[in-house]
N, C-alpha and C. Protein backbone atom coordinates (compact mmCIF):
# COMPACT_ATOMS: atom_id res chain seq x y z
N MET A 1 27.68 -27.08 33.18
CA MET A 1 28.58 -26.19 32.50
C MET A 1 27.92 -24.83 32.34
N ILE A 2 28.73 -23.80 32.39
CA ILE A 2 28.25 -22.44 32.15
C ILE A 2 28.71 -22.04 30.76
N TYR A 3 27.76 -21.62 29.94
CA TYR A 3 28.05 -21.23 28.56
C TYR A 3 28.06 -19.71 28.45
N SER A 4 28.98 -19.20 27.67
CA SER A 4 29.01 -17.79 27.36
C SER A 4 29.16 -17.65 25.85
N VAL A 5 28.97 -16.45 25.36
CA VAL A 5 29.04 -16.19 23.93
C VAL A 5 30.13 -15.14 23.67
N GLU A 6 31.02 -15.46 22.75
CA GLU A 6 32.03 -14.51 22.34
C GLU A 6 32.04 -14.41 20.83
N GLN A 7 31.79 -13.21 20.33
CA GLN A 7 31.76 -12.94 18.90
C GLN A 7 30.86 -13.93 18.14
N GLY A 8 29.71 -14.22 18.75
CA GLY A 8 28.71 -15.07 18.12
C GLY A 8 28.89 -16.56 18.32
N TRP A 9 29.94 -16.97 19.00
CA TRP A 9 30.21 -18.40 19.19
C TRP A 9 30.08 -18.78 20.65
N LEU A 10 29.43 -19.91 20.89
CA LEU A 10 29.16 -20.40 22.23
C LEU A 10 30.38 -21.13 22.78
N SER A 11 30.83 -20.72 23.95
CA SER A 11 31.96 -21.40 24.58
C SER A 11 31.58 -22.84 24.86
N GLY A 12 32.51 -23.74 24.70
CA GLY A 12 32.27 -25.15 24.99
C GLY A 12 31.59 -25.92 23.88
N ALA A 13 31.17 -25.23 22.83
CA ALA A 13 30.53 -25.92 21.70
C ALA A 13 31.60 -26.30 20.68
N ARG A 14 31.42 -27.46 20.09
CA ARG A 14 32.30 -27.88 19.00
C ARG A 14 31.84 -27.17 17.74
N ARG A 15 32.76 -26.52 17.05
CA ARG A 15 32.41 -25.76 15.85
C ARG A 15 32.52 -26.63 14.60
N VAL A 16 31.44 -26.62 13.83
CA VAL A 16 31.39 -27.27 12.53
C VAL A 16 30.71 -26.26 11.60
N PRO A 17 31.49 -25.32 11.05
CA PRO A 17 30.88 -24.23 10.27
C PRO A 17 30.09 -24.72 9.05
N SER A 18 28.90 -24.17 8.91
CA SER A 18 28.02 -24.47 7.79
C SER A 18 28.08 -23.34 6.77
N PRO A 19 28.00 -23.67 5.48
CA PRO A 19 27.90 -22.62 4.47
C PRO A 19 26.47 -22.09 4.34
N ASN A 20 25.53 -22.71 5.03
CA ASN A 20 24.12 -22.38 4.88
C ASN A 20 23.68 -21.34 5.91
N TYR A 21 24.01 -20.10 5.62
CA TYR A 21 23.62 -19.00 6.49
C TYR A 21 23.72 -17.71 5.69
N GLY A 22 23.26 -16.63 6.30
CA GLY A 22 23.36 -15.32 5.69
C GLY A 22 23.31 -14.26 6.77
N PRO A 23 23.44 -13.02 6.39
CA PRO A 23 23.39 -11.95 7.39
C PRO A 23 21.96 -11.72 7.88
N ARG A 24 21.85 -11.30 9.12
CA ARG A 24 20.54 -10.86 9.61
C ARG A 24 20.25 -9.50 8.97
N PRO A 25 18.98 -9.14 8.87
CA PRO A 25 18.68 -7.80 8.36
C PRO A 25 19.35 -6.73 9.23
N PRO A 26 19.72 -5.60 8.66
CA PRO A 26 20.37 -4.54 9.44
C PRO A 26 19.57 -4.17 10.67
N GLY A 27 20.26 -4.09 11.80
CA GLY A 27 19.64 -3.67 13.06
C GLY A 27 18.83 -4.73 13.76
N VAL A 28 18.75 -5.95 13.23
CA VAL A 28 17.94 -7.00 13.84
C VAL A 28 18.81 -7.87 14.75
N GLU A 29 18.39 -7.96 16.00
CA GLU A 29 19.05 -8.83 16.99
C GLU A 29 18.14 -10.02 17.24
N PRO A 30 18.72 -11.18 17.55
CA PRO A 30 17.86 -12.33 17.85
C PRO A 30 17.04 -12.09 19.12
N ASP A 31 15.73 -12.30 19.01
CA ASP A 31 14.86 -12.14 20.17
C ASP A 31 13.89 -13.32 20.33
N LEU A 32 14.20 -14.42 19.67
CA LEU A 32 13.39 -15.62 19.75
C LEU A 32 14.31 -16.84 19.71
N LEU A 33 14.03 -17.79 20.56
CA LEU A 33 14.73 -19.06 20.58
C LEU A 33 13.77 -20.13 20.06
N VAL A 34 14.18 -20.88 19.03
CA VAL A 34 13.32 -21.90 18.44
C VAL A 34 13.93 -23.28 18.70
N ILE A 35 13.13 -24.16 19.31
CA ILE A 35 13.55 -25.53 19.61
C ILE A 35 13.04 -26.46 18.52
N HIS A 36 13.95 -27.26 17.98
CA HIS A 36 13.65 -28.23 16.92
C HIS A 36 14.08 -29.63 17.38
N ASN A 37 13.81 -30.61 16.52
CA ASN A 37 14.47 -31.90 16.67
C ASN A 37 14.90 -32.38 15.29
N ILE A 38 15.90 -33.26 15.31
CA ILE A 38 16.40 -33.84 14.07
C ILE A 38 17.13 -35.13 14.40
N SER A 39 17.01 -36.08 13.51
CA SER A 39 17.84 -37.29 13.54
C SER A 39 17.89 -37.82 12.11
N LEU A 40 19.04 -38.27 11.73
CA LEU A 40 19.24 -38.79 10.38
C LEU A 40 20.05 -40.06 10.41
N PRO A 41 19.53 -41.10 9.75
CA PRO A 41 18.14 -41.25 9.33
C PRO A 41 17.19 -41.09 10.53
N PRO A 42 15.93 -40.84 10.27
CA PRO A 42 14.99 -40.62 11.37
C PRO A 42 15.03 -41.74 12.41
N GLY A 43 15.16 -41.32 13.68
CA GLY A 43 15.18 -42.25 14.79
C GLY A 43 16.52 -42.90 15.05
N GLU A 44 17.53 -42.55 14.27
CA GLU A 44 18.89 -43.09 14.49
C GLU A 44 19.78 -41.97 15.01
N TYR A 45 20.56 -42.31 16.04
CA TYR A 45 21.36 -41.30 16.72
C TYR A 45 22.85 -41.63 16.70
N GLY A 46 23.64 -40.60 16.90
CA GLY A 46 25.08 -40.78 17.10
C GLY A 46 25.93 -40.72 15.85
N SER A 47 25.34 -40.64 14.68
CA SER A 47 26.14 -40.57 13.45
C SER A 47 26.50 -39.11 13.16
N ASP A 48 27.26 -38.91 12.11
CA ASP A 48 27.60 -37.55 11.70
C ASP A 48 26.69 -37.05 10.57
N CYS A 49 25.59 -37.73 10.35
CA CYS A 49 24.71 -37.37 9.22
C CYS A 49 24.12 -35.97 9.35
N VAL A 50 23.76 -35.54 10.55
CA VAL A 50 23.21 -34.19 10.72
C VAL A 50 24.29 -33.16 10.39
N GLU A 51 25.49 -33.39 10.89
CA GLU A 51 26.60 -32.49 10.58
C GLU A 51 26.84 -32.44 9.07
N ARG A 52 26.78 -33.58 8.43
CA ARG A 52 26.99 -33.63 6.99
C ARG A 52 25.86 -32.91 6.24
N LEU A 53 24.63 -33.06 6.72
CA LEU A 53 23.51 -32.34 6.09
C LEU A 53 23.72 -30.83 6.20
N PHE A 54 24.05 -30.36 7.39
CA PHE A 54 24.20 -28.93 7.63
C PHE A 54 25.42 -28.33 6.94
N THR A 55 26.35 -29.17 6.49
CA THR A 55 27.54 -28.68 5.79
C THR A 55 27.54 -29.06 4.32
N ASN A 56 26.39 -29.53 3.82
CA ASN A 56 26.22 -29.90 2.40
C ASN A 56 27.16 -31.03 1.98
N CYS A 57 27.45 -31.95 2.89
CA CYS A 57 28.35 -33.06 2.60
C CYS A 57 27.68 -34.42 2.77
N LEU A 58 26.36 -34.45 2.90
CA LEU A 58 25.66 -35.71 3.12
C LEU A 58 25.68 -36.54 1.84
N ASP A 59 26.01 -37.80 1.96
CA ASP A 59 25.96 -38.73 0.83
C ASP A 59 24.50 -39.11 0.62
N TRP A 60 23.89 -38.54 -0.40
CA TRP A 60 22.46 -38.72 -0.64
C TRP A 60 22.09 -40.17 -0.93
N ASP A 61 23.07 -40.99 -1.29
CA ASP A 61 22.80 -42.40 -1.61
C ASP A 61 23.09 -43.33 -0.43
N ALA A 62 23.51 -42.78 0.71
CA ALA A 62 23.89 -43.61 1.85
C ALA A 62 22.70 -44.26 2.55
N HIS A 63 21.50 -43.72 2.36
CA HIS A 63 20.30 -44.27 3.02
C HIS A 63 19.09 -43.89 2.15
N PRO A 64 18.12 -44.78 2.02
CA PRO A 64 16.94 -44.46 1.20
C PRO A 64 16.23 -43.17 1.60
N TYR A 65 16.19 -42.84 2.89
CA TYR A 65 15.52 -41.62 3.35
C TYR A 65 16.16 -40.38 2.74
N PHE A 66 17.47 -40.41 2.55
CA PHE A 66 18.19 -39.24 2.08
C PHE A 66 17.78 -38.82 0.67
N ARG A 67 17.25 -39.74 -0.12
CA ARG A 67 16.82 -39.39 -1.48
C ARG A 67 15.71 -38.34 -1.44
N GLY A 68 14.86 -38.41 -0.41
CA GLY A 68 13.75 -37.47 -0.29
C GLY A 68 14.16 -36.08 0.16
N ILE A 69 15.37 -35.94 0.68
CA ILE A 69 15.84 -34.63 1.12
C ILE A 69 17.04 -34.17 0.28
N ARG A 70 17.31 -34.89 -0.80
CA ARG A 70 18.46 -34.57 -1.67
C ARG A 70 18.48 -33.09 -2.05
N GLY A 71 19.63 -32.48 -1.90
CA GLY A 71 19.81 -31.10 -2.28
C GLY A 71 19.35 -30.07 -1.26
N LEU A 72 18.77 -30.53 -0.16
CA LEU A 72 18.30 -29.62 0.88
C LEU A 72 19.49 -28.84 1.46
N GLU A 73 19.35 -27.53 1.55
CA GLU A 73 20.39 -26.69 2.15
C GLU A 73 19.80 -26.02 3.38
N VAL A 74 20.14 -26.56 4.54
CA VAL A 74 19.61 -26.08 5.81
C VAL A 74 20.74 -26.01 6.84
N SER A 75 20.45 -25.34 7.93
CA SER A 75 21.39 -25.28 9.04
C SER A 75 20.61 -24.88 10.29
N SER A 76 21.29 -24.97 11.39
CA SER A 76 20.78 -24.45 12.64
C SER A 76 21.97 -23.82 13.34
N HIS A 77 21.71 -22.99 14.32
CA HIS A 77 22.84 -22.45 15.06
C HIS A 77 23.51 -23.54 15.88
N LEU A 78 22.67 -24.31 16.59
CA LEU A 78 23.20 -25.29 17.53
C LEU A 78 22.50 -26.65 17.40
N LEU A 79 23.23 -27.69 17.73
CA LEU A 79 22.69 -29.05 17.85
C LEU A 79 23.10 -29.56 19.21
N ILE A 80 22.15 -30.10 19.96
CA ILE A 80 22.46 -30.75 21.23
C ILE A 80 22.22 -32.24 21.05
N ARG A 81 23.32 -32.98 21.09
CA ARG A 81 23.26 -34.44 20.92
C ARG A 81 22.66 -35.08 22.16
N ARG A 82 22.31 -36.34 22.06
CA ARG A 82 21.66 -37.06 23.16
C ARG A 82 22.58 -37.14 24.38
N CYS A 83 23.88 -37.13 24.17
CA CYS A 83 24.85 -37.19 25.28
C CYS A 83 25.07 -35.83 25.92
N GLY A 84 24.47 -34.77 25.35
CA GLY A 84 24.62 -33.43 25.89
C GLY A 84 25.67 -32.59 25.18
N GLU A 85 26.39 -33.16 24.23
CA GLU A 85 27.38 -32.39 23.49
C GLU A 85 26.68 -31.31 22.66
N VAL A 86 27.32 -30.14 22.59
CA VAL A 86 26.79 -29.04 21.79
C VAL A 86 27.69 -28.84 20.57
N VAL A 87 27.06 -28.77 19.41
CA VAL A 87 27.76 -28.50 18.15
C VAL A 87 27.17 -27.20 17.60
N GLN A 88 28.05 -26.27 17.20
CA GLN A 88 27.58 -25.01 16.63
C GLN A 88 27.97 -24.94 15.16
N PHE A 89 26.99 -24.59 14.32
CA PHE A 89 27.16 -24.54 12.87
C PHE A 89 27.22 -23.12 12.33
N VAL A 90 26.51 -22.20 12.96
CA VAL A 90 26.39 -20.83 12.46
C VAL A 90 26.57 -19.88 13.64
N SER A 91 27.29 -18.80 13.41
CA SER A 91 27.44 -17.77 14.43
C SER A 91 26.06 -17.25 14.83
N LEU A 92 25.90 -16.96 16.10
CA LEU A 92 24.63 -16.41 16.58
C LEU A 92 24.36 -15.03 16.00
N ASP A 93 25.39 -14.39 15.50
CA ASP A 93 25.25 -13.08 14.88
C ASP A 93 24.64 -13.18 13.48
N ASP A 94 24.67 -14.38 12.90
CA ASP A 94 24.17 -14.59 11.55
C ASP A 94 22.82 -15.30 11.55
N ARG A 95 22.24 -15.37 10.38
CA ARG A 95 20.93 -15.96 10.14
C ARG A 95 21.11 -17.40 9.66
N ALA A 96 20.78 -18.36 10.52
CA ALA A 96 20.80 -19.77 10.11
C ALA A 96 19.52 -20.08 9.36
N TRP A 97 19.53 -21.16 8.61
CA TRP A 97 18.38 -21.55 7.79
C TRP A 97 17.64 -22.72 8.44
N HIS A 98 16.96 -22.45 9.55
CA HIS A 98 16.32 -23.51 10.33
C HIS A 98 14.81 -23.42 10.37
N ALA A 99 14.23 -22.26 10.20
CA ALA A 99 12.79 -22.09 10.43
C ALA A 99 11.94 -22.26 9.18
N GLY A 100 12.48 -21.93 8.02
CA GLY A 100 11.68 -21.99 6.80
C GLY A 100 10.54 -20.99 6.85
N LEU A 101 9.48 -21.29 6.12
CA LEU A 101 8.28 -20.45 6.13
C LEU A 101 7.73 -20.43 7.55
N SER A 102 7.72 -19.27 8.18
CA SER A 102 7.41 -19.22 9.61
C SER A 102 6.88 -17.85 10.02
N CYS A 103 6.20 -17.83 11.18
CA CYS A 103 5.64 -16.59 11.71
C CYS A 103 5.56 -16.73 13.23
N TYR A 104 5.97 -15.69 13.95
CA TYR A 104 5.88 -15.69 15.41
C TYR A 104 5.31 -14.34 15.85
N ARG A 105 4.16 -14.38 16.51
CA ARG A 105 3.49 -13.17 17.01
C ARG A 105 3.37 -12.09 15.94
N GLY A 106 2.97 -12.54 14.74
CA GLY A 106 2.74 -11.62 13.65
C GLY A 106 3.97 -11.25 12.83
N ARG A 107 5.13 -11.72 13.22
CA ARG A 107 6.36 -11.43 12.48
C ARG A 107 6.73 -12.64 11.64
N GLU A 108 6.88 -12.44 10.34
CA GLU A 108 7.24 -13.52 9.44
C GLU A 108 8.75 -13.65 9.31
N ASN A 109 9.19 -14.73 8.67
CA ASN A 109 10.61 -14.98 8.42
C ASN A 109 11.40 -15.06 9.73
N CYS A 110 11.05 -16.02 10.55
CA CYS A 110 11.67 -16.15 11.87
C CYS A 110 13.18 -16.34 11.83
N ASN A 111 13.72 -16.85 10.73
CA ASN A 111 15.17 -16.97 10.64
C ASN A 111 15.85 -15.62 10.87
N ASP A 112 15.19 -14.54 10.46
CA ASP A 112 15.77 -13.21 10.58
C ASP A 112 16.07 -12.83 12.03
N PHE A 113 15.22 -13.26 12.97
CA PHE A 113 15.32 -12.76 14.34
C PHE A 113 15.38 -13.87 15.39
N SER A 114 15.76 -15.08 14.98
CA SER A 114 15.76 -16.19 15.94
C SER A 114 17.09 -16.92 15.98
N ILE A 115 17.24 -17.69 17.03
CA ILE A 115 18.34 -18.64 17.19
C ILE A 115 17.71 -20.02 17.19
N GLY A 116 18.22 -20.91 16.35
CA GLY A 116 17.68 -22.26 16.24
C GLY A 116 18.54 -23.27 16.99
N ILE A 117 17.88 -24.07 17.82
CA ILE A 117 18.55 -25.16 18.54
C ILE A 117 17.89 -26.46 18.15
N GLU A 118 18.66 -27.36 17.57
CA GLU A 118 18.18 -28.70 17.24
C GLU A 118 18.52 -29.65 18.38
N LEU A 119 17.57 -30.46 18.78
CA LEU A 119 17.82 -31.55 19.72
C LEU A 119 17.86 -32.84 18.92
N GLU A 120 18.88 -33.64 19.13
CA GLU A 120 18.94 -34.93 18.44
C GLU A 120 17.81 -35.78 18.99
N GLY A 121 16.82 -36.06 18.15
CA GLY A 121 15.68 -36.81 18.61
C GLY A 121 14.55 -36.83 17.61
N THR A 122 13.41 -37.31 18.07
CA THR A 122 12.20 -37.39 17.27
C THR A 122 11.03 -36.85 18.10
N ASP A 123 9.92 -36.63 17.44
CA ASP A 123 8.73 -36.12 18.14
C ASP A 123 8.25 -37.07 19.23
N GLU A 124 8.42 -38.37 19.02
CA GLU A 124 7.80 -39.36 19.89
C GLU A 124 8.71 -39.96 20.95
N GLU A 125 10.01 -39.89 20.80
CA GLU A 125 10.92 -40.54 21.75
C GLU A 125 11.40 -39.54 22.79
N PRO A 126 11.29 -39.89 24.08
CA PRO A 126 11.73 -38.95 25.12
C PRO A 126 13.17 -38.50 24.90
N TYR A 127 13.40 -37.25 25.21
CA TYR A 127 14.74 -36.69 25.10
C TYR A 127 15.55 -37.11 26.32
N ALA A 128 16.85 -37.12 26.18
CA ALA A 128 17.75 -37.58 27.25
C ALA A 128 17.90 -36.52 28.33
N ASP A 129 18.12 -36.98 29.56
CA ASP A 129 18.35 -36.05 30.68
C ASP A 129 19.50 -35.10 30.36
N ALA A 130 20.56 -35.62 29.74
CA ALA A 130 21.72 -34.78 29.40
C ALA A 130 21.32 -33.66 28.44
N GLN A 131 20.36 -33.92 27.56
CA GLN A 131 19.91 -32.88 26.63
C GLN A 131 19.17 -31.76 27.37
N TYR A 132 18.31 -32.14 28.30
CA TYR A 132 17.60 -31.11 29.06
C TYR A 132 18.58 -30.27 29.87
N ALA A 133 19.54 -30.91 30.53
CA ALA A 133 20.52 -30.18 31.33
C ALA A 133 21.31 -29.22 30.46
N THR A 134 21.75 -29.69 29.30
CA THR A 134 22.51 -28.85 28.40
C THR A 134 21.64 -27.74 27.82
N LEU A 135 20.42 -28.07 27.42
CA LEU A 135 19.52 -27.06 26.86
C LEU A 135 19.28 -25.93 27.86
N VAL A 136 19.07 -26.28 29.11
CA VAL A 136 18.86 -25.25 30.14
C VAL A 136 20.11 -24.39 30.28
N ALA A 137 21.28 -25.02 30.36
CA ALA A 137 22.53 -24.27 30.52
C ALA A 137 22.79 -23.38 29.30
N VAL A 138 22.55 -23.91 28.10
CA VAL A 138 22.75 -23.12 26.89
C VAL A 138 21.76 -21.95 26.86
N THR A 139 20.51 -22.22 27.19
CA THR A 139 19.50 -21.16 27.21
C THR A 139 19.91 -20.05 28.16
N ARG A 140 20.37 -20.42 29.35
CA ARG A 140 20.82 -19.41 30.33
C ARG A 140 21.96 -18.58 29.75
N GLY A 141 22.91 -19.23 29.07
CA GLY A 141 24.01 -18.50 28.46
C GLY A 141 23.54 -17.55 27.38
N LEU A 142 22.57 -18.01 26.58
CA LEU A 142 22.03 -17.16 25.51
C LEU A 142 21.24 -15.99 26.08
N LEU A 143 20.47 -16.23 27.12
CA LEU A 143 19.71 -15.15 27.74
C LEU A 143 20.65 -14.08 28.30
N ALA A 144 21.77 -14.51 28.85
CA ALA A 144 22.75 -13.56 29.40
C ALA A 144 23.47 -12.80 28.29
N ALA A 145 23.70 -13.45 27.16
CA ALA A 145 24.49 -12.84 26.09
C ALA A 145 23.67 -12.03 25.10
N CYS A 146 22.40 -12.34 24.97
CA CYS A 146 21.55 -11.70 23.96
C CYS A 146 20.44 -10.94 24.67
N PRO A 147 20.64 -9.65 24.92
CA PRO A 147 19.66 -8.88 25.70
C PRO A 147 18.25 -8.88 25.13
N ALA A 148 18.11 -9.04 23.83
CA ALA A 148 16.77 -9.00 23.23
C ALA A 148 15.98 -10.28 23.52
N LEU A 149 16.68 -11.36 23.85
CA LEU A 149 15.98 -12.61 24.17
C LEU A 149 15.33 -12.50 25.55
N GLU A 150 14.16 -13.03 25.66
CA GLU A 150 13.49 -13.10 26.95
C GLU A 150 13.05 -14.54 27.14
N ALA A 151 13.00 -15.00 28.37
CA ALA A 151 12.62 -16.39 28.63
C ALA A 151 11.26 -16.73 28.01
N GLY A 152 10.37 -15.76 27.90
CA GLY A 152 9.06 -16.01 27.33
C GLY A 152 9.06 -16.13 25.81
N ARG A 153 10.16 -15.78 25.19
CA ARG A 153 10.25 -15.84 23.72
C ARG A 153 10.99 -17.11 23.31
N ILE A 154 10.45 -18.22 23.72
CA ILE A 154 10.98 -19.53 23.36
C ILE A 154 9.82 -20.32 22.77
N ALA A 155 10.04 -20.86 21.57
CA ALA A 155 8.95 -21.56 20.89
C ALA A 155 9.49 -22.83 20.24
N GLY A 156 8.58 -23.72 19.96
CA GLY A 156 8.92 -24.90 19.17
C GLY A 156 8.76 -24.58 17.69
N HIS A 157 9.40 -25.39 16.87
CA HIS A 157 9.24 -25.22 15.42
C HIS A 157 7.76 -25.32 15.06
N SER A 158 7.05 -26.19 15.76
CA SER A 158 5.61 -26.36 15.50
C SER A 158 4.82 -25.10 15.81
N ASP A 159 5.33 -24.26 16.71
CA ASP A 159 4.63 -23.02 17.07
C ASP A 159 4.78 -21.94 16.01
N ILE A 160 5.91 -21.96 15.30
CA ILE A 160 6.16 -20.92 14.30
C ILE A 160 5.82 -21.37 12.88
N ALA A 161 5.59 -22.67 12.72
CA ALA A 161 5.20 -23.22 11.41
C ALA A 161 4.10 -24.26 11.61
N PRO A 162 2.98 -23.87 12.24
CA PRO A 162 1.93 -24.85 12.53
C PRO A 162 1.34 -25.45 11.25
N GLY A 163 1.07 -26.75 11.33
CA GLY A 163 0.54 -27.45 10.18
C GLY A 163 1.63 -27.93 9.23
N ARG A 164 2.80 -27.30 9.30
CA ARG A 164 3.92 -27.69 8.44
C ARG A 164 4.97 -28.46 9.22
N LYS A 165 5.16 -28.11 10.49
CA LYS A 165 6.18 -28.75 11.33
C LYS A 165 5.55 -29.20 12.63
N THR A 166 6.10 -30.28 13.22
CA THR A 166 5.57 -30.83 14.47
C THR A 166 6.60 -30.84 15.59
N ASP A 167 7.84 -30.54 15.28
CA ASP A 167 8.90 -30.64 16.29
C ASP A 167 8.93 -29.44 17.24
N PRO A 168 9.37 -29.64 18.46
CA PRO A 168 10.06 -30.80 18.99
C PRO A 168 9.15 -31.95 19.38
N GLY A 169 7.86 -31.78 19.20
CA GLY A 169 6.92 -32.88 19.35
C GLY A 169 6.44 -33.11 20.76
N PRO A 170 5.48 -34.05 20.90
CA PRO A 170 4.89 -34.32 22.21
C PRO A 170 5.87 -34.95 23.20
N ALA A 171 6.98 -35.49 22.73
CA ALA A 171 7.96 -36.09 23.64
C ALA A 171 8.77 -35.02 24.38
N PHE A 172 8.77 -33.79 23.86
CA PHE A 172 9.53 -32.74 24.54
C PHE A 172 8.72 -32.23 25.73
N ASP A 173 9.33 -32.22 26.90
CA ASP A 173 8.68 -31.83 28.14
C ASP A 173 8.89 -30.33 28.39
N TRP A 174 7.98 -29.53 27.85
CA TRP A 174 8.09 -28.08 28.01
C TRP A 174 8.05 -27.68 29.48
N GLY A 175 7.20 -28.35 30.26
CA GLY A 175 7.10 -28.03 31.69
C GLY A 175 8.42 -28.25 32.41
N ARG A 176 9.06 -29.35 32.12
CA ARG A 176 10.36 -29.66 32.74
C ARG A 176 11.39 -28.59 32.36
N TYR A 177 11.43 -28.24 31.09
CA TYR A 177 12.39 -27.26 30.60
C TYR A 177 12.15 -25.89 31.24
N ARG A 178 10.91 -25.43 31.20
CA ARG A 178 10.60 -24.11 31.75
C ARG A 178 10.79 -24.07 33.27
N ALA A 179 10.44 -25.16 33.95
CA ALA A 179 10.64 -25.21 35.40
C ALA A 179 12.12 -25.15 35.74
N ALA A 180 12.94 -25.85 34.98
CA ALA A 180 14.39 -25.82 35.23
C ALA A 180 14.95 -24.42 34.99
N LEU A 181 14.45 -23.74 33.97
CA LEU A 181 14.88 -22.36 33.72
C LEU A 181 14.46 -21.46 34.88
N ALA A 182 13.24 -21.64 35.38
CA ALA A 182 12.76 -20.81 36.49
C ALA A 182 13.57 -21.06 37.75
N VAL A 183 13.88 -22.30 38.04
CA VAL A 183 14.69 -22.63 39.22
C VAL A 183 16.08 -22.03 39.05
N ASP A 184 16.65 -22.14 37.88
CA ASP A 184 17.98 -21.58 37.62
C ASP A 184 17.96 -20.06 37.75
N ASN A 185 16.80 -19.46 37.51
CA ASN A 185 16.70 -18.00 37.63
C ASN A 185 16.37 -17.56 39.05
N GLY A 186 16.26 -18.53 39.95
CA GLY A 186 15.92 -18.20 41.32
C GLY A 186 14.45 -17.97 41.52
N GLU A 187 13.64 -18.32 40.54
CA GLU A 187 12.20 -18.15 40.64
C GLU A 187 11.57 -19.45 41.13
N CYS A 188 10.35 -19.35 41.58
CA CYS A 188 9.61 -20.56 41.93
C CYS A 188 9.13 -21.22 40.65
N PRO A 189 9.25 -22.55 40.53
CA PRO A 189 8.79 -23.22 39.29
C PRO A 189 7.29 -23.13 39.13
């Protein structure tokens, strides 16, 4: 699939608007793509729990794990499910709440200047082929739509919050992802 962006929304993505966002600082365009992972409960896939978390509708009593994250107000711009489906929670023009305390190349508060993509998964379990294919296609669409983004400005949550975050983890194949982007760009991998 070829993805494009219109007025901050990714074509082909299912929209589930989150209240957890704010404006970017004046004059700031996204110039960093941050890759995350998430599953709720951890290691369980296919439920609507992530959507409920990002929209402040999660039943905190539905699972023992949820008690530890009770009241958390977070979001990401995009979620790529294991089947390759894309869900968008926040306009790319706005600031999603995905990075937390973070720093990239000397710039703090990465939420201000980044786009967050969550992959349904865990640090240790391999990601699905459909997720890699979708991630590459989405990245290409974002690179085309957001001039400030550059292929080299892609980081993991662990890169911008070292010691605090570990995702997307050792199971994420950065080489596979970057090689697919290079091939898609007509470059040698």
